[in-house]
Amino acid sequence: YTTVRPFVLARDEYRCRNRIDGQVCGRRANQVDHIGDRHDHRPEMLQ
């Protein structure tokens, strides 16, 4: 909550990175999701 989550939200410009029909959602993001393994907390594995 102090480092990882704020970093990912700022890196992604607080925009949703989910793809819907090939398009990025782009709505205001307020959550951080694991792309693959839920135990892998590296920023490149979060969105």
ModelCIF file with pLDDT and N, C-alpha, C, O atoms, coordinates in Angstrom:
data_MODEL
#
_entry.id   MODEL 
#
_entity.id                         1 
_entity.type                       polymer 
_entity.pdbx_number_of_molecules   1 
#
_entity_poly.entity_id                      1 
_entity_poly.type                           'polypeptide(L)' 
_entity_poly.nstd_linkage                   no 
_entity_poly.nstd_monomer                   no 
_entity_poly.pdbx_seq_one_letter_code       YTTVRPFVLARDEYRCRNRIDGQVCGRRANQVDHIGDRHDHRPEMLQ 
_entity_poly.pdbx_seq_one_letter_code_can   YTTVRPFVLARDEYRCRNRIDGQVCGRRANQVDHIGDRHDHRPEMLQ 
_entity_poly.pdbx_strand_id                 A 
#
loop_
_entity_poly_seq.entity_id 
_entity_poly_seq.num 
_entity_poly_seq.mon_id 
_entity_poly_seq.hetero 
1 1  TYR n 
1 2  THR n 
1 3  THR n 
1 4  VAL n 
1 5  ARG n 
1 6  PRO n 
1 7  PHE n 
1 8  VAL n 
1 9  LEU n 
1 10 ALA n 
1 11 ARG n 
1 12 ASP n 
1 13 GLU n 
1 14 TYR n 
1 15 ARG n 
1 16 CYS n 
1 17 ARG n 
1 18 ASN n 
1 19 ARG n 
1 20 ILE n 
1 21 ASP n 
1 22 GLY n 
1 23 GLN n 
1 24 VAL n 
1 25 CYS n 
1 26 GLY n 
1 27 ARG n 
1 28 ARG n 
1 29 ALA n 
1 30 ASN n 
1 31 GLN n 
1 32 VAL n 
1 33 ASP n 
1 34 HIS n 
1 35 ILE n 
1 36 GLY n 
1 37 ASP n 
1 38 ARG n 
1 39 HIS n 
1 40 ASP n 
1 41 HIS n 
1 42 ARG n 
1 43 PRO n 
1 44 GLU n 
1 45 MET n 
1 46 LEU n 
1 47 GLN n 
#
_struct_asym.id          A 
_struct_asym.entity_id   1 
#
loop_
_ma_qa_metric.id 
_ma_qa_metric.mode 
_ma_qa_metric.name 
_ma_qa_metric.software_group_id 
_ma_qa_metric.type 
1 global pLDDT . pLDDT 
2 local  pLDDT . pLDDT 
#
_ma_qa_metric_global.metric_id      1 
_ma_qa_metric_global.metric_value   95.43 
_ma_qa_metric_global.model_id       1 
_ma_qa_metric_global.ordinal_id     1 
#
loop_
_ma_qa_metric_local.label_asym_id 
_ma_qa_metric_local.label_comp_id 
_ma_qa_metric_local.label_seq_id 
_ma_qa_metric_local.metric_id 
_ma_qa_metric_local.metric_value 
_ma_qa_metric_local.model_id 
_ma_qa_metric_local.ordinal_id 
A TYR 1  2 96.00 1 1  
A THR 2  2 96.00 1 2  
A THR 3  2 97.00 1 3  
A VAL 4  2 96.00 1 4  
A ARG 5  2 97.00 1 5  
A PRO 6  2 98.00 1 6  
A PHE 7  2 98.00 1 7  
A VAL 8  2 98.00 1 8  
A LEU 9  2 98.00 1 9  
A ALA 10 2 98.00 1 10 
A ARG 11 2 98.00 1 11 
A ASP 12 2 98.00 1 12 
A GLU 13 2 98.00 1 13 
A TYR 14 2 98.00 1 14 
A ARG 15 2 98.00 1 15 
A CYS 16 2 98.00 1 16 
A ARG 17 2 97.00 1 17 
A ASN 18 2 96.00 1 18 
A ARG 19 2 93.00 1 19 
A ILE 20 2 89.00 1 20 
A ASP 21 2 92.00 1 21 
A GLY 22 2 93.00 1 22 
A GLN 23 2 95.00 1 23 
A VAL 24 2 96.00 1 24 
A CYS 25 2 96.00 1 25 
A GLY 26 2 96.00 1 26 
A ARG 27 2 97.00 1 27 
A ARG 28 2 98.00 1 28 
A ALA 29 2 98.00 1 29 
A ASN 30 2 97.00 1 30 
A GLN 31 2 97.00 1 31 
A VAL 32 2 97.00 1 32 
A ASP 33 2 95.00 1 33 
A HIS 34 2 93.00 1 34 
A ILE 35 2 93.00 1 35 
A GLY 36 2 86.00 1 36 
A ASP 37 2 89.00 1 37 
A ARG 38 2 87.00 1 38 
A HIS 39 2 91.00 1 39 
A ASP 40 2 94.00 1 40 
A HIS 41 2 94.00 1 41 
A ARG 42 2 95.00 1 42 
A PRO 43 2 95.00 1 43 
A GLU 44 2 96.00 1 44 
A MET 45 2 96.00 1 45 
A LEU 46 2 97.00 1 46 
A GLN 47 2 97.00 1 47 
#
loop_
_atom_site.group_PDB 
_atom_site.id 
_atom_site.type_symbol 
_atom_site.label_atom_id 
_atom_site.label_alt_id 
_atom_site.label_comp_id 
_atom_site.label_asym_id 
_atom_site.label_entity_id 
_atom_site.label_seq_id 
_atom_site.pdbx_PDB_ins_code 
_atom_site.Cartn_x 
_atom_site.Cartn_y 
_atom_site.Cartn_z 
_atom_site.occupancy 
_atom_site.B_iso_or_equiv 
_atom_site.pdbx_formal_charge 
_atom_site.auth_seq_id 
_atom_site.auth_comp_id 
_atom_site.auth_asym_id 
_atom_site.auth_atom_id 
_atom_site.pdbx_PDB_model_num 
ATOM 1   N N  . TYR A 1 1  ? 0.804   -1.225  0.000   1.00 96.00 ? 1  TYR A N  1 
ATOM 2   C CA . TYR A 1 1  ? 0.000   0.000   0.000   1.00 96.00 ? 1  TYR A CA 1 
ATOM 3   C C  . TYR A 1 1  ? 0.835   1.272   0.000   1.00 96.00 ? 1  TYR A C  1 
ATOM 4   O O  . TYR A 1 1  ? 0.349   2.326   -0.410  1.00 96.00 ? 1  TYR A O  1 
ATOM 5   N N  . THR A 1 2  ? 2.080   1.192   0.452   1.00 96.00 ? 2  THR A N  1 
ATOM 6   C CA . THR A 1 2  ? 2.915   2.393   0.532   1.00 96.00 ? 2  THR A CA 1 
ATOM 7   C C  . THR A 1 2  ? 3.819   2.585   -0.675  1.00 96.00 ? 2  THR A C  1 
ATOM 8   O O  . THR A 1 2  ? 4.177   3.715   -1.005  1.00 96.00 ? 2  THR A O  1 
ATOM 9   N N  . THR A 1 3  ? 4.195   1.486   -1.345  1.00 97.00 ? 3  THR A N  1 
ATOM 10  C CA . THR A 1 3  ? 5.143   1.587   -2.450  1.00 97.00 ? 3  THR A CA 1 
ATOM 11  C C  . THR A 1 3  ? 4.640   0.936   -3.737  1.00 97.00 ? 3  THR A C  1 
ATOM 12  O O  . THR A 1 3  ? 4.523   1.605   -4.764  1.00 97.00 ? 3  THR A O  1 
ATOM 13  N N  . VAL A 1 4  ? 4.343   -0.355  -3.689  1.00 96.00 ? 4  VAL A N  1 
ATOM 14  C CA . VAL A 1 4  ? 4.026   -1.125  -4.907  1.00 96.00 ? 4  VAL A CA 1 
ATOM 15  C C  . VAL A 1 4  ? 2.763   -0.600  -5.592  1.00 96.00 ? 4  VAL A C  1 
ATOM 16  O O  . VAL A 1 4  ? 2.800   -0.229  -6.765  1.00 96.00 ? 4  VAL A O  1 
ATOM 17  N N  . ARG A 1 5  ? 1.656   -0.569  -4.866  1.00 97.00 ? 5  ARG A N  1 
ATOM 18  C CA . ARG A 1 5  ? 0.378   -0.158  -5.453  1.00 97.00 ? 5  ARG A CA 1 
ATOM 19  C C  . ARG A 1 5  ? 0.434   1.281   -5.989  1.00 97.00 ? 5  ARG A C  1 
ATOM 20  O O  . ARG A 1 5  ? 0.034   1.517   -7.129  1.00 97.00 ? 5  ARG A O  1 
ATOM 21  N N  . PRO A 1 6  ? 0.922   2.250   -5.193  1.00 98.00 ? 6  PRO A N  1 
ATOM 22  C CA . PRO A 1 6  ? 0.999   3.615   -5.730  1.00 98.00 ? 6  PRO A CA 1 
ATOM 23  C C  . PRO A 1 6  ? 1.893   3.726   -6.967  1.00 98.00 ? 6  PRO A C  1 
ATOM 24  O O  . PRO A 1 6  ? 1.603   4.499   -7.880  1.00 98.00 ? 6  PRO A O  1 
ATOM 25  N N  . PHE A 1 7  ? 2.992   2.943   -6.991  1.00 98.00 ? 7  PHE A N  1 
ATOM 26  C CA . PHE A 1 7  ? 3.885   2.978   -8.148  1.00 98.00 ? 7  PHE A CA 1 
ATOM 27  C C  . PHE A 1 7  ? 3.162   2.506   -9.408  1.00 98.00 ? 7  PHE A C  1 
ATOM 28  O O  . PHE A 1 7  ? 3.250   3.150   -10.453 1.00 98.00 ? 7  PHE A O  1 
ATOM 29  N N  . VAL A 1 8  ? 2.448   1.382   -9.312  1.00 98.00 ? 8  VAL A N  1 
ATOM 30  C CA . VAL A 1 8  ? 1.766   0.820   -10.488 1.00 98.00 ? 8  VAL A CA 1 
ATOM 31  C C  . VAL A 1 8  ? 0.662   1.763   -10.974 1.00 98.00 ? 8  VAL A C  1 
ATOM 32  O O  . VAL A 1 8  ? 0.534   1.995   -12.176 1.00 98.00 ? 8  VAL A O  1 
ATOM 33  N N  . LEU A 1 9  ? -0.118  2.298   -10.068 1.00 98.00 ? 9  LEU A N  1 
ATOM 34  C CA . LEU A 1 9  ? -1.181  3.230   -10.466 1.00 98.00 ? 9  LEU A CA 1 
ATOM 35  C C  . LEU A 1 9  ? -0.603  4.462   -11.168 1.00 98.00 ? 9  LEU A C  1 
ATOM 36  O O  . LEU A 1 9  ? -1.127  4.901   -12.192 1.00 98.00 ? 9  LEU A O  1 
ATOM 37  N N  . ALA A 1 10 ? 0.479   5.016   -10.614 1.00 98.00 ? 10 ALA A N  1 
ATOM 38  C CA . ALA A 1 10 ? 1.107   6.197   -11.237 1.00 98.00 ? 10 ALA A CA 1 
ATOM 39  C C  . ALA A 1 10 ? 1.721   5.839   -12.588 1.00 98.00 ? 10 ALA A C  1 
ATOM 40  O O  . ALA A 1 10 ? 1.575   6.586   -13.556 1.00 98.00 ? 10 ALA A O  1 
ATOM 41  N N  . ARG A 1 11 ? 2.408   4.696   -12.653 1.00 98.00 ? 11 ARG A N  1 
ATOM 42  C CA . ARG A 1 11 ? 3.027   4.268   -13.917 1.00 98.00 ? 11 ARG A CA 1 
ATOM 43  C C  . ARG A 1 11 ? 1.985   4.137   -15.015 1.00 98.00 ? 11 ARG A C  1 
ATOM 44  O O  . ARG A 1 11 ? 2.224   4.528   -16.157 1.00 98.00 ? 11 ARG A O  1 
ATOM 45  N N  . ASP A 1 12 ? 0.827   3.584   -14.667 1.00 98.00 ? 12 ASP A N  1 
ATOM 46  C CA . ASP A 1 12 ? -0.250  3.376   -15.638 1.00 98.00 ? 12 ASP A CA 1 
ATOM 47  C C  . ASP A 1 12 ? -1.174  4.591   -15.745 1.00 98.00 ? 12 ASP A C  1 
ATOM 48  O O  . ASP A 1 12 ? -2.243  4.520   -16.350 1.00 98.00 ? 12 ASP A O  1 
ATOM 49  N N  . GLU A 1 13 ? -0.744  5.705   -15.149 1.00 98.00 ? 13 GLU A N  1 
ATOM 50  C CA . GLU A 1 13 ? -1.456  6.979   -15.217 1.00 98.00 ? 13 GLU A CA 1 
ATOM 51  C C  . GLU A 1 13 ? -2.898  6.880   -14.720 1.00 98.00 ? 13 GLU A C  1 
ATOM 52  O O  . GLU A 1 13 ? -3.786  7.574   -15.215 1.00 98.00 ? 13 GLU A O  1 
ATOM 53  N N  . TYR A 1 14 ? -3.116  6.014   -13.738 1.00 98.00 ? 14 TYR A N  1 
ATOM 54  C CA . TYR A 1 14 ? -4.442  5.819   -13.135 1.00 98.00 ? 14 TYR A CA 1 
ATOM 55  C C  . TYR A 1 14 ? -5.499  5.496   -14.189 1.00 98.00 ? 14 TYR A C  1 
ATOM 56  O O  . TYR A 1 14 ? -6.658  5.889   -14.057 1.00 98.00 ? 14 TYR A O  1 
ATOM 57  N N  . ARG A 1 15 ? -5.090  4.775   -15.239 1.00 98.00 ? 15 ARG A N  1 
ATOM 58  C CA . ARG A 1 15 ? -6.003  4.372   -16.305 1.00 98.00 ? 15 ARG A CA 1 
ATOM 59  C C  . ARG A 1 15 ? -6.042  2.850   -16.385 1.00 98.00 ? 15 ARG A C  1 
ATOM 60  O O  . ARG A 1 15 ? -5.011  2.186   -16.286 1.00 98.00 ? 15 ARG A O  1 
ATOM 61  N N  . CYS A 1 16 ? -7.233  2.311   -16.563 1.00 98.00 ? 16 CYS A N  1 
ATOM 62  C CA . CYS A 1 16 ? -7.430  0.867   -16.647 1.00 98.00 ? 16 CYS A CA 1 
ATOM 63  C C  . CYS A 1 16 ? -6.730  0.322   -17.893 1.00 98.00 ? 16 CYS A C  1 
ATOM 64  O O  . CYS A 1 16 ? -6.914  0.838   -18.995 1.00 98.00 ? 16 CYS A O  1 
ATOM 65  N N  . ARG A 1 17 ? -5.930  -0.725  -17.703 1.00 97.00 ? 17 ARG A N  1 
ATOM 66  C CA . ARG A 1 17 ? -5.161  -1.330  -18.793 1.00 97.00 ? 17 ARG A CA 1 
ATOM 67  C C  . ARG A 1 17 ? -5.826  -2.575  -19.371 1.00 97.00 ? 17 ARG A C  1 
ATOM 68  O O  . ARG A 1 17 ? -5.253  -3.245  -20.230 1.00 97.00 ? 17 ARG A O  1 
ATOM 69  N N  . ASN A 1 18 ? -7.031  -2.884  -18.902 1.00 96.00 ? 18 ASN A N  1 
ATOM 70  C CA . ASN A 1 18 ? -7.730  -4.061  -19.411 1.00 96.00 ? 18 ASN A CA 1 
ATOM 71  C C  . ASN A 1 18 ? -8.094  -3.862  -20.880 1.00 96.00 ? 18 ASN A C  1 
ATOM 72  O O  . ASN A 1 18 ? -8.493  -2.773  -21.292 1.00 96.00 ? 18 ASN A O  1 
ATOM 73  N N  . ARG A 1 19 ? -7.950  -4.927  -21.656 1.00 93.00 ? 19 ARG A N  1 
ATOM 74  C CA . ARG A 1 19 ? -8.298  -4.860  -23.077 1.00 93.00 ? 19 ARG A CA 1 
ATOM 75  C C  . ARG A 1 19 ? -9.670  -5.479  -23.293 1.00 93.00 ? 19 ARG A C  1 
ATOM 76  O O  . ARG A 1 19 ? -9.940  -6.599  -22.860 1.00 93.00 ? 19 ARG A O  1 
ATOM 77  N N  . ILE A 1 20 ? -10.534 -4.724  -23.973 1.00 89.00 ? 20 ILE A N  1 
ATOM 78  C CA . ILE A 1 20 ? -11.882 -5.172  -24.307 1.00 89.00 ? 20 ILE A CA 1 
ATOM 79  C C  . ILE A 1 20 ? -12.016 -5.068  -25.818 1.00 89.00 ? 20 ILE A C  1 
ATOM 80  O O  . ILE A 1 20 ? -11.971 -3.972  -26.378 1.00 89.00 ? 20 ILE A O  1 
ATOM 81  N N  . ASP A 1 21 ? -12.181 -6.202  -26.472 1.00 92.00 ? 21 ASP A N  1 
ATOM 82  C CA . ASP A 1 21 ? -12.282 -6.239  -27.937 1.00 92.00 ? 21 ASP A CA 1 
ATOM 83  C C  . ASP A 1 21 ? -11.108 -5.525  -28.603 1.00 92.00 ? 21 ASP A C  1 
ATOM 84  O O  . ASP A 1 21 ? -11.281 -4.807  -29.588 1.00 92.00 ? 21 ASP A O  1 
ATOM 85  N N  . GLY A 1 22 ? -9.900  -5.736  -28.045 1.00 93.00 ? 22 GLY A N  1 
ATOM 86  C CA . GLY A 1 22 ? -8.697  -5.166  -28.630 1.00 93.00 ? 22 GLY A CA 1 
ATOM 87  C C  . GLY A 1 22 ? -8.414  -3.725  -28.241 1.00 93.00 ? 22 GLY A C  1 
ATOM 88  O O  . GLY A 1 22 ? -7.370  -3.183  -28.602 1.00 93.00 ? 22 GLY A O  1 
ATOM 89  N N  . GLN A 1 23 ? -9.321  -3.101  -27.515 1.00 95.00 ? 23 GLN A N  1 
ATOM 90  C CA . GLN A 1 23 ? -9.155  -1.707  -27.096 1.00 95.00 ? 23 GLN A CA 1 
ATOM 91  C C  . GLN A 1 23 ? -8.880  -1.655  -25.596 1.00 95.00 ? 23 GLN A C  1 
ATOM 92  O O  . GLN A 1 23 ? -9.451  -2.431  -24.829 1.00 95.00 ? 23 GLN A O  1 
ATOM 93  N N  . VAL A 1 24 ? -8.008  -0.743  -25.179 1.00 96.00 ? 24 VAL A N  1 
ATOM 94  C CA . VAL A 1 24 ? -7.746  -0.538  -23.761 1.00 96.00 ? 24 VAL A CA 1 
ATOM 95  C C  . VAL A 1 24 ? -8.948  0.159   -23.153 1.00 96.00 ? 24 VAL A C  1 
ATOM 96  O O  . VAL A 1 24 ? -9.446  1.138   -23.710 1.00 96.00 ? 24 VAL A O  1 
ATOM 97  N N  . CYS A 1 25 ? -9.422  -0.338  -22.009 1.00 96.00 ? 25 CYS A N  1 
ATOM 98  C CA . CYS A 1 25 ? -10.590 0.257   -21.335 1.00 96.00 ? 25 CYS A CA 1 
ATOM 99  C C  . CYS A 1 25 ? -10.364 1.745   -21.088 1.00 96.00 ? 25 CYS A C  1 
ATOM 100 O O  . CYS A 1 25 ? -11.168 2.569   -21.523 1.00 96.00 ? 25 CYS A O  1 
ATOM 101 N N  . GLY A 1 26 ? -9.286  2.101   -20.398 1.00 96.00 ? 26 GLY A N  1 
ATOM 102 C CA . GLY A 1 26 ? -8.924  3.498   -20.218 1.00 96.00 ? 26 GLY A CA 1 
ATOM 103 C C  . GLY A 1 26 ? -9.682  4.263   -19.151 1.00 96.00 ? 26 GLY A C  1 
ATOM 104 O O  . GLY A 1 26 ? -9.382  5.431   -18.902 1.00 96.00 ? 26 GLY A O  1 
ATOM 105 N N  . ARG A 1 27 ? -10.666 3.626   -18.510 1.00 97.00 ? 27 ARG A N  1 
ATOM 106 C CA . ARG A 1 27 ? -11.379 4.336   -17.441 1.00 97.00 ? 27 ARG A CA 1 
ATOM 107 C C  . ARG A 1 27 ? -10.464 4.549   -16.241 1.00 97.00 ? 27 ARG A C  1 
ATOM 108 O O  . ARG A 1 27 ? -9.389  3.953   -16.168 1.00 97.00 ? 27 ARG A O  1 
ATOM 109 N N  . ARG A 1 28 ? -10.873 5.377   -15.317 1.00 98.00 ? 28 ARG A N  1 
ATOM 110 C CA . ARG A 1 28 ? -10.096 5.693   -14.117 1.00 98.00 ? 28 ARG A CA 1 
ATOM 111 C C  . ARG A 1 28 ? -9.840  4.409   -13.321 1.00 98.00 ? 28 ARG A C  1 
ATOM 112 O O  . ARG A 1 28 ? -10.778 3.713   -12.933 1.00 98.00 ? 28 ARG A O  1 
ATOM 113 N N  . ALA A 1 29 ? -8.581  4.109   -13.086 1.00 98.00 ? 29 ALA A N  1 
ATOM 114 C CA . ALA A 1 29 ? -8.189  2.900   -12.353 1.00 98.00 ? 29 ALA A CA 1 
ATOM 115 C C  . ALA A 1 29 ? -7.944  3.242   -10.891 1.00 98.00 ? 29 ALA A C  1 
ATOM 116 O O  . ALA A 1 29 ? -7.333  4.261   -10.570 1.00 98.00 ? 29 ALA A O  1 
ATOM 117 N N  . ASN A 1 30 ? -8.429  2.376   -10.016 1.00 97.00 ? 30 ASN A N  1 
ATOM 118 C CA . ASN A 1 30 ? -8.188  2.540   -8.594  1.00 97.00 ? 30 ASN A CA 1 
ATOM 119 C C  . ASN A 1 30 ? -7.762  1.227   -7.938  1.00 97.00 ? 30 ASN A C  1 
ATOM 120 O O  . ASN A 1 30 ? -7.697  1.127   -6.712  1.00 97.00 ? 30 ASN A O  1 
ATOM 121 N N  . GLN A 1 31 ? -7.474  0.219   -8.769  1.00 97.00 ? 31 GLN A N  1 
ATOM 122 C CA . GLN A 1 31 ? -7.073  -1.083  -8.252  1.00 97.00 ? 31 GLN A CA 1 
ATOM 123 C C  . GLN A 1 31 ? -5.874  -1.598  -9.029  1.00 97.00 ? 31 GLN A C  1 
ATOM 124 O O  . GLN A 1 31 ? -5.651  -1.218  -10.179 1.00 97.00 ? 31 GLN A O  1 
ATOM 125 N N  . VAL A 1 32 ? -5.100  -2.475  -8.381  1.00 97.00 ? 32 VAL A N  1 
ATOM 126 C CA . VAL A 1 32 ? -3.928  -3.069  -9.015  1.00 97.00 ? 32 VAL A CA 1 
ATOM 127 C C  . VAL A 1 32 ? -4.137  -4.577  -9.080  1.00 97.00 ? 32 VAL A C  1 
ATOM 128 O O  . VAL A 1 32 ? -4.510  -5.208  -8.091  1.00 97.00 ? 32 VAL A O  1 
ATOM 129 N N  . ASP A 1 33 ? -3.894  -5.139  -10.250 1.00 95.00 ? 33 ASP A N  1 
ATOM 130 C CA . ASP A 1 33 ? -4.170  -6.543  -10.534 1.00 95.00 ? 33 ASP A CA 1 
ATOM 131 C C  . ASP A 1 33 ? -2.896  -7.276  -10.906 1.00 95.00 ? 33 ASP A C  1 
ATOM 132 O O  . ASP A 1 33 ? -2.018  -6.724  -11.570 1.00 95.00 ? 33 ASP A O  1 
ATOM 133 N N  . HIS A 1 34 ? -2.802  -8.528  -10.472 1.00 93.00 ? 34 HIS A N  1 
ATOM 134 C CA . HIS A 1 34 ? -1.698  -9.397  -10.880 1.00 93.00 ? 34 HIS A CA 1 
ATOM 135 C C  . HIS A 1 34 ? -2.000  -9.934  -12.276 1.00 93.00 ? 34 HIS A C  1 
ATOM 136 O O  . HIS A 1 34 ? -3.082  -10.470 -12.513 1.00 93.00 ? 34 HIS A O  1 
ATOM 137 N N  . ILE A 1 35 ? -1.065  -9.796  -13.188 1.00 93.00 ? 35 ILE A N  1 
ATOM 138 C CA . ILE A 1 35 ? -1.265  -10.248 -14.563 1.00 93.00 ? 35 ILE A CA 1 
ATOM 139 C C  . ILE A 1 35 ? -1.187  -11.767 -14.647 1.00 93.00 ? 35 ILE A C  1 
ATOM 140 O O  . ILE A 1 35 ? -1.974  -12.392 -15.358 1.00 93.00 ? 35 ILE A O  1 
ATOM 141 N N  . GLY A 1 36 ? -0.265  -12.350 -13.940 1.00 86.00 ? 36 GLY A N  1 
ATOM 142 C CA . GLY A 1 36 ? -0.104  -13.806 -13.967 1.00 86.00 ? 36 GLY A CA 1 
ATOM 143 C C  . GLY A 1 36 ? -0.218  -14.374 -12.563 1.00 86.00 ? 36 GLY A C  1 
ATOM 144 O O  . GLY A 1 36 ? -1.284  -14.344 -11.948 1.00 86.00 ? 36 GLY A O  1 
ATOM 145 N N  . ASP A 1 37 ? 0.894   -14.890 -12.069 1.00 89.00 ? 37 ASP A N  1 
ATOM 146 C CA . ASP A 1 37 ? 0.953   -15.508 -10.753 1.00 89.00 ? 37 ASP A CA 1 
ATOM 147 C C  . ASP A 1 37 ? 0.608   -14.493 -9.665  1.00 89.00 ? 37 ASP A C  1 
ATOM 148 O O  . ASP A 1 37 ? 1.217   -13.426 -9.589  1.00 89.00 ? 37 ASP A O  1 
ATOM 149 N N  . ARG A 1 38 ? -0.357  -14.823 -8.838  1.00 87.00 ? 38 ARG A N  1 
ATOM 150 C CA . ARG A 1 38 ? -0.795  -13.881 -7.800  1.00 87.00 ? 38 ARG A CA 1 
ATOM 151 C C  . ARG A 1 38 ? 0.243   -13.662 -6.708  1.00 87.00 ? 38 ARG A C  1 
ATOM 152 O O  . ARG A 1 38 ? 0.077   -12.795 -5.850  1.00 87.00 ? 38 ARG A O  1 
ATOM 153 N N  . HIS A 1 39 ? 1.308   -14.444 -6.742  1.00 91.00 ? 39 HIS A N  1 
ATOM 154 C CA . HIS A 1 39 ? 2.383   -14.288 -5.759  1.00 91.00 ? 39 HIS A CA 1 
ATOM 155 C C  . HIS A 1 39 ? 3.563   -13.501 -6.332  1.00 91.00 ? 39 HIS A C  1 
ATOM 156 O O  . HIS A 1 39 ? 4.540   -13.249 -5.628  1.00 91.00 ? 39 HIS A O  1 
ATOM 157 N N  . ASP A 1 40 ? 3.476   -13.115 -7.593  1.00 94.00 ? 40 ASP A N  1 
ATOM 158 C CA . ASP A 1 40 ? 4.543   -12.357 -8.248  1.00 94.00 ? 40 ASP A CA 1 
ATOM 159 C C  . ASP A 1 40 ? 4.181   -10.874 -8.182  1.00 94.00 ? 40 ASP A C  1 
ATOM 160 O O  . ASP A 1 40 ? 3.323   -10.400 -8.927  1.00 94.00 ? 40 ASP A O  1 
ATOM 161 N N  . HIS A 1 41 ? 4.843   -10.152 -7.282  1.00 94.00 ? 41 HIS A N  1 
ATOM 162 C CA . HIS A 1 41 ? 4.498   -8.760  -7.024  1.00 94.00 ? 41 HIS A CA 1 
ATOM 163 C C  . HIS A 1 41 ? 5.434   -7.773  -7.722  1.00 94.00 ? 41 HIS A C  1 
ATOM 164 O O  . HIS A 1 41 ? 5.474   -6.596  -7.362  1.00 94.00 ? 41 HIS A O  1 
ATOM 165 N N  . ARG A 1 42 ? 6.187   -8.248  -8.720  1.00 95.00 ? 42 ARG A N  1 
ATOM 166 C CA . ARG A 1 42 ? 7.048   -7.332  -9.474  1.00 95.00 ? 42 ARG A CA 1 
ATOM 167 C C  . ARG A 1 42 ? 6.167   -6.381  -10.275 1.00 95.00 ? 42 ARG A C  1 
ATOM 168 O O  . ARG A 1 42 ? 5.142   -6.793  -10.817 1.00 95.00 ? 42 ARG A O  1 
ATOM 169 N N  . PRO A 1 43 ? 6.562   -5.110  -10.352 1.00 95.00 ? 43 PRO A N  1 
ATOM 170 C CA . PRO A 1 43 ? 5.739   -4.129  -11.078 1.00 95.00 ? 43 PRO A CA 1 
ATOM 171 C C  . PRO A 1 43 ? 5.404   -4.540  -12.509 1.00 95.00 ? 43 PRO A C  1 
ATOM 172 O O  . PRO A 1 43 ? 4.312   -4.246  -12.995 1.00 95.00 ? 43 PRO A O  1 
ATOM 173 N N  . GLU A 1 44 ? 6.326   -5.212  -13.185 1.00 96.00 ? 44 GLU A N  1 
ATOM 174 C CA . GLU A 1 44 ? 6.042   -5.606  -14.576 1.00 96.00 ? 44 GLU A CA 1 
ATOM 175 C C  . GLU A 1 44 ? 4.987   -6.710  -14.657 1.00 96.00 ? 44 GLU A C  1 
ATOM 176 O O  . GLU A 1 44 ? 4.488   -7.007  -15.742 1.00 96.00 ? 44 GLU A O  1 
ATOM 177 N N  . MET A 1 45 ? 4.645   -7.317  -13.526 1.00 96.00 ? 45 MET A N  1 
ATOM 178 C CA . MET A 1 45 ? 3.612   -8.345  -13.503 1.00 96.00 ? 45 MET A CA 1 
ATOM 179 C C  . MET A 1 45 ? 2.311   -7.820  -12.880 1.00 96.00 ? 45 MET A C  1 
ATOM 180 O O  . MET A 1 45 ? 1.439   -8.596  -12.489 1.00 96.00 ? 45 MET A O  1 
ATOM 181 N N  . LEU A 1 46 ? 2.201   -6.494  -12.797 1.00 97.00 ? 46 LEU A N  1 
ATOM 182 C CA . LEU A 1 46 ? 1.021   -5.855  -12.223 1.00 97.00 ? 46 LEU A CA 1 
ATOM 183 C C  . LEU A 1 46 ? 0.473   -4.826  -13.203 1.00 97.00 ? 46 LEU A C  1 
ATOM 184 O O  . LEU A 1 46 ? 1.216   -4.273  -14.014 1.00 97.00 ? 46 LEU A O  1 
ATOM 185 N N  . GLN A 1 47 ? -0.835  -4.571  -13.123 1.00 97.00 ? 47 GLN A N  1 
ATOM 186 C CA . GLN A 1 47 ? -1.460  -3.574  -13.984 1.00 97.00 ? 47 GLN A CA 1 
ATOM 187 C C  . GLN A 1 47 ? -2.564  -2.856  -13.229 1.00 97.00 ? 47 GLN A C  1 
ATOM 188 O O  . GLN A 1 47 ? -3.217  -1.972  -13.783 1.00 97.00 ? 47 GLN A O  1 
#
